[in-house]
C-alpha atoms as a PDB file:
ATOM      1  CA  MET A   1     -43.752  84.252  36.269  1.00  0.00           C
ATOM      2  CA  THR A   2     -42.946  81.949  39.214  1.00  0.00           C
ATOM      3  CA  ARG A   3     -42.356  83.310  42.520  1.00  0.00           C
ATOM      4  CA  PRO A   4     -39.243  82.630  44.504  1.00  0.00           C
ATOM      5  CA  SER A   5     -41.278  80.576  46.699  1.00  0.00           C
ATOM      6  CA  GLU A   6     -41.988  78.055  44.209  1.00  0.00           C
ATOM      7  CA  LEU A   7     -38.213  77.999  42.956  1.00  0.00           C
ATOM      8  CA  THR A   8     -37.030  77.271  46.102  1.00  0.00           C
ATOM      9  CA  ARG A   9     -39.457  74.465  46.678  1.00  0.00           C
ATOM     10  CA  ASP A  10     -38.481  72.997  42.937  1.00  0.00           C
ATOM     11  CA  ALA A  11     -35.284  72.734  43.471  1.00  0.00           C
ATOM     12  CA  LEU A  12     -35.729  71.130  46.981  1.00  0.00           C
ATOM     13  CA  VAL A  13     -37.542  67.654  45.374  1.00  0.00           C
ATOM     14  CA  GLU A  14     -34.894  68.371  42.666  1.00  0.00           C
ATOM     15  CA  SER A  15     -32.105  68.083  45.006  1.00  0.00           C
ATOM     16  CA  ALA A  16     -33.902  65.162  47.228  1.00  0.00           C
ATOM     17  CA  THR A  17     -34.661  63.929  43.762  1.00  0.00           C
ATOM     18  CA  ALA A  18     -30.970  62.971  43.630  1.00  0.00           C
ATOM     19  CA  ILE A  19     -29.779  62.476  47.100  1.00  0.00           C
ATOM     20  CA  PHE A  20     -32.313  59.779  47.920  1.00  0.00           C
ATOM     21  CA  ALA A  21     -31.410  57.968  44.701  1.00  0.00           C
ATOM     22  CA  GLU A  22     -27.277  57.936  45.654  1.00  0.00           C
ATOM     23  CA  ASN A  23     -28.008  57.558  49.313  1.00  0.00           C
ATOM     24  CA  GLY A  24     -31.120  55.935  49.772  1.00  0.00           C
ATOM     25  CA  PHE A  25     -33.912  57.822  52.848  1.00  0.00           C
ATOM     26  CA  GLU A  26     -31.450  56.947  55.395  1.00  0.00           C
ATOM     27  CA  GLY A  27     -28.358  58.053  53.812  1.00  0.00           C
ATOM     28  CA  GLY A  28     -29.975  61.457  52.503  1.00  0.00           C
ATOM     29  CA  SER A  29     -29.567  64.130  54.931  1.00  0.00           C
ATOM     30  CA  VAL A  30     -31.106  67.269  54.443  1.00  0.00           C
ATOM     31  CA  ARG A  31     -27.893  69.225  54.698  1.00  0.00           C
ATOM     32  CA  LEU A  32     -26.440  67.352  51.495  1.00  0.00           C
ATOM     33  CA  ILE A  33     -30.342  67.932  49.821  1.00  0.00           C
ATOM     34  CA  THR A  34     -30.100  71.952  51.132  1.00  0.00           C
ATOM     35  CA  GLU A  35     -26.517  72.624  49.867  1.00  0.00           C
ATOM     36  CA  ARG A  36     -27.211  70.765  46.706  1.00  0.00           C
ATOM     37  CA  ALA A  37     -30.767  72.998  46.507  1.00  0.00           C
ATOM     38  CA  LYS A  38     -28.637  76.404  47.828  1.00  0.00           C
ATOM     39  CA  ALA A  39     -31.420  76.456  50.604  1.00  0.00           C
ATOM     40  CA  ASN A  40     -31.527  76.551  53.963  1.00  0.00           C
ATOM     41  CA  GLN A  41     -32.814  73.810  56.081  1.00  0.00           C
ATOM     42  CA  ALA A  42     -35.665  75.977  57.435  1.00  0.00           C
ATOM     43  CA  ALA A  43     -37.139  75.790  54.317  1.00  0.00           C
ATOM     44  CA  VAL A  44     -37.491  71.877  54.041  1.00  0.00           C
ATOM     45  CA  SER A  45     -39.650  72.369  57.262  1.00  0.00           C
ATOM     46  CA  TYR A  46     -41.225  75.352  55.046  1.00  0.00           C
ATOM     47  CA  HIS A  47     -42.527  73.854  52.450  1.00  0.00           C
ATOM     48  CA  PHE A  48     -42.777  70.068  53.380  1.00  0.00           C
ATOM     49  CA  GLY A  49     -42.641  69.988  57.206  1.00  0.00           C
ATOM     50  CA  SER A  50     -39.848  67.188  57.259  1.00  0.00           C
ATOM     51  CA  LYS A  51     -37.626  65.155  55.771  1.00  0.00           C
ATOM     52  CA  GLU A  52     -40.216  63.032  55.574  1.00  0.00           C
ATOM     53  CA  GLY A  53     -42.578  65.140  54.190  1.00  0.00           C
ATOM     54  CA  LEU A  54     -40.239  65.726  51.056  1.00  0.00           C
ATOM     55  CA  TYR A  55     -38.971  62.606  50.785  1.00  0.00           C
ATOM     56  CA  ARG A  56     -43.341  62.002  50.280  1.00  0.00           C
ATOM     57  CA  GLU A  57     -43.620  64.383  47.273  1.00  0.00           C
ATOM     58  CA  VAL A  58     -40.421  63.026  45.672  1.00  0.00           C
ATOM     59  CA  LEU A  59     -41.994  59.154  45.786  1.00  0.00           C
ATOM     60  CA  ARG A  60     -45.424  60.236  44.304  1.00  0.00           C
ATOM     61  CA  ARG A  61     -43.827  62.262  42.218  1.00  0.00           C
ATOM     62  CA  ALA A  62     -41.842  58.651  41.377  1.00  0.00           C
ATOM     63  CA  LEU A  63     -44.996  56.902  41.102  1.00  0.00           C
ATOM     64  CA  HIS A  64     -46.593  59.145  39.092  1.00  0.00           C
ATOM     65  CA  ALA A  65     -44.147  59.570  36.764  1.00  0.00           C
ATOM     66  CA  PHE A  66     -44.774  56.389  35.315  1.00  0.00           C
ATOM     67  CA  ASP A  67     -48.611  57.662  34.708  1.00  0.00           C
ATOM     68  CA  GLU A  68     -48.130  58.203  31.162  1.00  0.00           C
ATOM     69  CA  PHE A  69     -47.203  54.393  30.451  1.00  0.00           C
ATOM     70  CA  VAL A  70     -50.830  53.387  31.863  1.00  0.00           C
ATOM     71  CA  PRO A  71     -52.035  52.659  27.947  1.00  0.00           C
ATOM     72  CA  PHE A  72     -56.130  53.136  28.519  1.00  0.00           C
ATOM     73  CA  GLY A  73     -58.639  54.138  30.696  1.00  0.00           C
ATOM     74  CA  GLU A  74     -60.814  51.818  33.116  1.00  0.00           C
ATOM     75  CA  ASP A  75     -63.642  52.556  31.096  1.00  0.00           C
ATOM     76  CA  GLU A  76     -61.810  51.919  27.871  1.00  0.00           C
ATOM     77  CA  LEU A  77     -61.118  48.248  28.518  1.00  0.00           C
ATOM     78  CA  ASP A  78     -64.702  46.495  28.261  1.00  0.00           C
ATOM     79  CA  ALA A  79     -63.848  47.341  24.312  1.00  0.00           C
ATOM     80  CA  ILE A  80     -60.746  45.707  24.240  1.00  0.00           C
ATOM     81  CA  ASP A  81     -59.685  42.374  24.203  1.00  0.00           C
ATOM     82  CA  ARG A  82     -58.653  40.831  26.886  1.00  0.00           C
ATOM     83  CA  GLU A  83     -55.275  39.444  25.398  1.00  0.00           C
ATOM     84  CA  GLU A  84     -54.957  42.505  23.585  1.00  0.00           C
ATOM     85  CA  ALA A  85     -54.855  44.269  26.211  1.00  0.00           C
ATOM     86  CA  LEU A  86     -53.005  42.320  28.287  1.00  0.00           C
ATOM     87  CA  ARG A  87     -50.037  42.631  25.703  1.00  0.00           C
ATOM     88  CA  LEU A  88     -50.543  46.514  25.033  1.00  0.00           C
ATOM     89  CA  PHE A  89     -50.440  46.832  29.325  1.00  0.00           C
ATOM     90  CA  LEU A  90     -47.117  44.762  29.484  1.00  0.00           C
ATOM     91  CA  ARG A  91     -45.772  47.125  25.775  1.00  0.00           C
ATOM     92  CA  GLN A  92     -46.399  50.452  27.887  1.00  0.00           C
ATOM     93  CA  GLN A  93     -45.034  48.949  31.766  1.00  0.00           C
ATOM     94  CA  LEU A  94     -42.158  47.735  29.417  1.00  0.00           C
ATOM     95  CA  LEU A  95     -41.775  51.566  27.827  1.00  0.00           C
ATOM     96  CA  PRO A  96     -38.972  52.603  30.756  1.00  0.00           C
ATOM     97  CA  LEU A  97     -36.868  50.722  29.162  1.00  0.00           C
ATOM     98  CA  ALA A  98     -36.252  52.522  25.716  1.00  0.00           C
ATOM     99  CA  LYS A  99     -36.728  56.099  28.166  1.00  0.00           C
ATOM    100  CA  ARG A 100     -34.216  55.009  30.845  1.00  0.00           C
ATOM    101  CA  ASN A 101     -32.831  58.645  31.323  1.00  0.00           C
ATOM    102  CA  GLN A 102     -35.390  60.214  31.844  1.00  0.00           C
ATOM    103  CA  LEU A 103     -36.597  57.802  34.804  1.00  0.00           C
ATOM    104  CA  SER A 104     -33.276  56.422  36.697  1.00  0.00           C
ATOM    105  CA  ARG A 105     -33.399  58.008  39.157  1.00  0.00           C
ATOM    106  CA  TYR A 106     -36.846  57.173  39.791  1.00  0.00           C
ATOM    107  CA  LEU A 107     -36.035  53.747  39.731  1.00  0.00           C
ATOM    108  CA  ARG A 108     -32.829  54.076  42.164  1.00  0.00           C
ATOM    109  CA  ILE A 109     -35.107  55.240  44.776  1.00  0.00           C
ATOM    110  CA  PHE A 110     -37.549  52.500  44.582  1.00  0.00           C
ATOM    111  CA  ASN A 111     -34.233  50.248  44.583  1.00  0.00           C
ATOM    112  CA  TRP A 112     -33.820  51.336  48.044  1.00  0.00           C
ATOM    113  CA  GLU A 113     -37.163  50.909  48.868  1.00  0.00           C
ATOM    114  CA  VAL A 114     -36.791  47.087  48.248  1.00  0.00           C
ATOM    115  CA  LEU A 115     -33.872  47.045  50.480  1.00  0.00           C
ATOM    116  CA  GLN A 116     -34.302  49.463  53.068  1.00  0.00           C
ATOM    117  CA  ARG A 117     -38.958  49.916  52.857  1.00  0.00           C
ATOM    118  CA  THR A 118     -39.482  52.865  54.532  1.00  0.00           C
ATOM    119  CA  ALA A 119     -42.753  54.105  56.756  1.00  0.00           C
ATOM    120  CA  VAL A 120     -43.099  56.722  54.231  1.00  0.00           C
ATOM    121  CA  PHE A 121     -43.688  55.150  51.253  1.00  0.00           C
ATOM    122  CA  HIS A 122     -46.023  51.872  52.871  1.00  0.00           C
ATOM    123  CA  GLU A 123     -47.973  55.118  53.470  1.00  0.00           C
ATOM    124  CA  LEU A 124     -47.826  56.385  50.297  1.00  0.00           C
ATOM    125  CA  LEU A 125     -49.034  53.437  48.655  1.00  0.00           C
ATOM    126  CA  ALA A 126     -51.705  52.604  51.294  1.00  0.00           C
ATOM    127  CA  THR A 127     -52.772  56.386  50.460  1.00  0.00           C
ATOM    128  CA  GLU A 128     -52.719  57.147  46.571  1.00  0.00           C
ATOM    129  CA  ARG A 129     -54.146  56.261  43.917  1.00  0.00           C
ATOM    130  CA  ILE A 130     -51.647  55.107  41.189  1.00  0.00           C
ATOM    131  CA  PRO A 131     -53.354  54.363  37.550  1.00  0.00           C
ATOM    132  CA  THR A 132     -50.974  51.596  36.824  1.00  0.00           C
ATOM    133  CA  VAL A 133     -52.460  49.331  40.181  1.00  0.00           C
ATOM    134  CA  ALA A 134     -55.974  50.231  39.094  1.00  0.00           C
ATOM    135  CA  ILE A 135     -55.700  49.248  35.506  1.00  0.00           C
ATOM    136  CA  ALA A 136     -53.700  46.272  36.588  1.00  0.00           C
ATOM    137  CA  GLN A 137     -56.776  45.238  38.505  1.00  0.00           C
ATOM    138  CA  ALA A 138     -59.095  46.018  35.844  1.00  0.00           C
ATOM    139  CA  LEU A 139     -57.418  43.788  33.720  1.00  0.00           C
ATOM    140  CA  VAL A 140     -57.164  40.548  35.831  1.00  0.00           C
ATOM    141  CA  ARG A 141     -60.553  40.509  36.281  1.00  0.00           C
ATOM    142  CA  LYS A 142     -61.340  39.762  32.652  1.00  0.00           C
ATOM    143  CA  PHE A 143     -59.169  37.101  33.581  1.00  0.00           C
ATOM    144  CA  LEU A 144     -60.624  35.661  36.772  1.00  0.00           C
ATOM    145  CA  PRO A 145     -63.935  33.755  37.253  1.00  0.00           C
ATOM    146  CA  SER A 146     -66.393  36.124  38.672  1.00  0.00           C
ATOM    147  CA  ALA A 147     -66.254  34.977  41.683  1.00  0.00           C
ATOM    148  CA  ALA A 148     -62.991  35.339  42.889  1.00  0.00           C
ATOM    149  CA  SER A 149     -62.287  36.737  46.054  1.00  0.00           C
ATOM    150  CA  PRO A 150     -60.388  40.365  46.602  1.00  0.00           C
ATOM    151  CA  GLU A 151     -57.199  38.514  47.803  1.00  0.00           C
ATOM    152  CA  GLU A 152     -57.123  36.542  44.156  1.00  0.00           C
ATOM    153  CA  VAL A 153     -57.159  40.102  42.395  1.00  0.00           C
ATOM    154  CA  MET A 154     -54.823  41.342  44.427  1.00  0.00           C
ATOM    155  CA  VAL A 155     -52.350  38.848  44.635  1.00  0.00           C
ATOM    156  CA  VAL A 156     -52.965  38.453  40.817  1.00  0.00           C
ATOM    157  CA  THR A 157     -52.293  42.185  40.647  1.00  0.00           C
ATOM    158  CA  ILE A 158     -49.290  42.445  42.150  1.00  0.00           C
ATOM    159  CA  TRP A 159     -47.699  39.582  40.427  1.00  0.00           C
ATOM    160  CA  LEU A 160     -48.746  40.567  36.702  1.00  0.00           C
ATOM    161  CA  VAL A 161     -47.284  44.456  37.650  1.00  0.00           C
ATOM    162  CA  ASN A 162     -44.037  43.276  39.047  1.00  0.00           C
ATOM    163  CA  GLN A 163     -43.476  41.031  35.299  1.00  0.00           C
ATOM    164  CA  ALA A 164     -42.692  43.736  33.036  1.00  0.00           C
ATOM    165  CA  PHE A 165     -40.849  46.174  36.812  1.00  0.00           C
ATOM    166  CA  ILE A 166     -38.403  43.501  37.291  1.00  0.00           C
ATOM    167  CA  PHE A 167     -37.023  44.012  33.823  1.00  0.00           C
ATOM    168  CA  VAL A 168     -37.479  48.072  34.244  1.00  0.00           C
ATOM    169  CA  ARG A 169     -35.714  48.061  37.413  1.00  0.00           C
ATOM    170  CA  ASN A 170     -32.712  45.923  36.935  1.00  0.00           C
ATOM    171  CA  TYR A 171     -32.047  47.538  33.917  1.00  0.00           C
ATOM    172  CA  ASP A 172     -28.308  48.416  34.728  1.00  0.00           C
ATOM    173  CA  SER A 173     -27.943  44.271  34.822  1.00  0.00           C
ATOM    174  CA  LEU A 174     -29.534  43.136  32.315  1.00  0.00           C
ATOM    175  CA  SER A 175     -26.884  43.721  29.468  1.00  0.00           C
ATOM    176  CA  GLN A 176     -24.404  42.293  32.144  1.00  0.00           C
ATOM    177  CA  PRO A 177     -23.075  38.878  32.737  1.00  0.00           C
ATOM    178  CA  PRO A 178     -24.979  36.491  33.690  1.00  0.00           C
ATOM    179  CA  ALA A 179     -27.796  37.913  31.454  1.00  0.00           C
ATOM    180  CA  ASN A 180     -25.662  39.537  28.690  1.00  0.00           C
ATOM    181  CA  LEU A 181     -28.813  40.615  27.240  1.00  0.00           C
ATOM    182  CA  LYS A 182     -28.832  43.778  24.022  1.00  0.00           C
ATOM    183  CA  VAL A 183     -31.583  46.232  25.403  1.00  0.00           C
ATOM    184  CA  ASP A 184     -32.712  47.466  22.305  1.00  0.00           C
ATOM    185  CA  GLU A 185     -35.864  48.220  20.451  1.00  0.00           C
ATOM    186  CA  ALA A 186     -36.040  44.495  19.136  1.00  0.00           C
ATOM    187  CA  PHE A 187     -35.649  42.980  22.716  1.00  0.00           C
ATOM    188  CA  LEU A 188     -38.449  45.175  23.622  1.00  0.00           C
ATOM    189  CA  THR A 189     -40.136  43.695  21.181  1.00  0.00           C
ATOM    190  CA  ARG A 190     -39.756  40.171  21.874  1.00  0.00           C
ATOM    191  CA  LEU A 191     -39.711  40.681  26.016  1.00  0.00           C
ATOM    192  CA  VAL A 192     -44.023  41.614  25.039  1.00  0.00           C
ATOM    193  CA  ASP A 193     -44.214  38.349  22.837  1.00  0.00           C
ATOM    194  CA  THR A 194     -42.271  36.453  26.142  1.00  0.00           C
ATOM    195  CA  LEU A 195     -43.943  37.435  28.574  1.00  0.00           C
ATOM    196  CA  SER A 196     -47.203  38.278  26.897  1.00  0.00           C
ATOM    197  CA  ARG A 197     -47.454  34.153  26.152  1.00  0.00           C
ATOM    198  CA  LEU A 198     -46.259  33.564  29.705  1.00  0.00           C
ATOM    199  CA  LEU A 199     -48.627  35.531  31.386  1.00  0.00           C
ATOM    200  CA  ILE A 200     -52.266  34.722  29.243  1.00  0.00           C
ATOM    201  CA  GLY A 201     -51.197  30.745  29.806  1.00  0.00           C
ATOM    202  CA  GLY A 202     -51.547  31.412  33.701  1.00  0.00           C
ATOM    203  CA  LEU A 203     -53.981  33.801  33.908  1.00  0.00           C
ATOM    204  CA  ALA A 204     -56.133  31.643  31.354  1.00  0.00           C
ATOM    205  CA  GLY A 205     -55.160  28.570  33.579  1.00  0.00           C
ATOM    206  CA  LEU A 206     -57.010  30.423  36.882  1.00  0.00           C
ATOM    207  CA  SER A 207     -59.710  31.557  34.633  1.00  0.00           C
ATOM    208  CA  ALA A 208     -60.326  27.691  33.414  1.00  0.00           C
ATOM    209  CA  ALA A 209     -60.126  26.280  37.308  1.00  0.00           C
ATOM    210  CA  SER A 210     -63.462  25.345  38.037  1.00  0.00           C
ATOM    211  CA  PRO A 211     -64.530  26.586  41.935  1.00  0.00           C
ATOM    212  CA  GLU A 212     -64.200  23.414  44.029  1.00  0.00           C
ATOM    213  CA  LEU A 213     -60.426  22.933  42.197  1.00  0.00           C
ATOM    214  CA  ARG A 214     -59.640  27.072  43.121  1.00  0.00           C
ATOM    215  CA  ARG A 215     -61.460  25.961  47.368  1.00  0.00           C
ATOM    216  CA  LYS A 216     -58.823  23.109  47.725  1.00  0.00           C
ATOM    217  CA  ALA A 217     -55.948  25.553  46.569  1.00  0.00           C
ATOM    218  CA  ARG A 218     -56.619  27.939  49.039  1.00  0.00           C
ATOM    219  CA  ALA A 219     -57.488  25.260  51.344  1.00  0.00           C
ATOM    220  CA  GLY A 220     -53.732  23.777  50.896  1.00  0.00           C
ATOM    221  CA  ALA A 221     -55.591  20.265  49.995  1.00  0.00           C
END
């Protein structure tokens, strides 16, 4: 049986998710959150310590809502052809396009973070292990030379992860001018194919670059 305190905690997180999605962190007041959750403001302090603590929990759930879209574990990646692994990764990362209603609030919160980056989000990214990023890093290493530096791996990982996420994050505008795209299952299949070809070409180019060329590129030669 669920205890009343657990019900209150869940109600606060649910309410905060909606309020932060609508107003961002700065505009999402504790008063609005507690009124919607039918709780008192002391409950926020009791369960989360502060508004920042409540927002951290909302962000943590938002980030891990995408864990189900990780197509394979790091230990499985070695056995998969790198190009096929890339296609699987992209396909799974784009699946939220087909499950928009389930994730819309979280995506709106991420959009607020693009506009107004918070210290809470920055700290969470630095401390929370995010499976999507870990898998992306492992996938990138299958393409890059073994001598690639940690900086190169991280830069390419950020680039790779955002190739799919930019479509998911901007779902609302894809079907409107100037894009005018029909976002359905057929579009998803074509998008995976197009992005796969672009990304495989780009990653293969990095893999083929000689250490000397890469050294000159880093030096700005």
